[in-house]
Protein backbone atom coordinates (compact mmCIF):
# COMPACT_ATOMS: atom_id res chain seq x y z
CA MET A 1 30.09 74.03 -110.74
CA ASP A 2 26.62 71.97 -111.80
CA PHE A 3 23.82 71.10 -109.23
CA TRP A 4 25.27 67.48 -108.92
CA SER A 5 27.99 68.74 -107.91
CA ALA A 6 27.01 71.47 -105.52
CA LEU A 7 24.67 68.63 -104.24
CA GLU A 8 26.98 66.38 -103.32
CA TYR A 9 29.34 68.66 -101.29
CA GLY A 10 26.03 69.72 -99.01
CA ALA A 11 25.60 65.92 -98.36
CA TRP A 12 29.32 65.74 -97.31
CA GLY A 13 29.01 69.06 -95.03
CA LEU A 14 25.86 68.20 -93.80
CA SER A 15 27.08 64.70 -93.38
CA ILE A 16 30.46 66.49 -91.34
CA VAL A 17 27.27 67.78 -89.13
CA LEU A 18 25.80 65.70 -88.30
CA ILE A 19 29.20 63.17 -86.96
CA GLY A 20 30.10 66.08 -85.45
CA TRP A 21 26.75 66.30 -83.08
CA MET A 22 26.63 62.64 -82.68
CA LEU A 23 30.63 63.20 -81.13
CA VAL A 24 29.36 66.02 -78.66
CA ASP A 25 26.27 64.70 -77.96
CA ALA A 26 28.12 61.42 -76.25
CA ARG A 27 30.93 63.08 -74.59
CA PHE A 28 28.52 65.18 -73.28
CA VAL A 29 26.08 61.70 -72.02
CA SER A 30 29.04 60.02 -71.04
CA THR A 31 29.99 63.27 -68.48
CA THR A 32 26.72 63.05 -67.64
CA TYR A 33 25.13 59.62 -66.94
CA GLY A 34 27.13 56.83 -65.28
CA GLU A 35 27.66 53.76 -66.39
CA ASP A 36 25.21 52.28 -64.15
CA PHE A 37 22.27 54.43 -65.58
CA LEU A 38 23.11 53.49 -68.83
CA LEU A 39 23.58 50.22 -68.79
CA SER A 40 20.55 50.00 -66.47
CA SER A 41 16.84 48.87 -67.92
CA ARG A 42 13.93 50.44 -65.75
CA GLU A 43 11.54 48.59 -67.94
CA GLY A 44 8.87 46.77 -65.71
CA ASP A 45 9.63 49.01 -63.07
CA GLU A 46 6.23 49.62 -61.90
């Protein structure tokens, strides 16, 4: 296996880890916060 093949496999592995992290975080956020909170905008409420 040459350098570029190893780099390609590493990039794919990193992509899979990041996608997994995004899915876990999306699940965590959806169970922690309600839809009303996530869709609300608090800008300008001073």
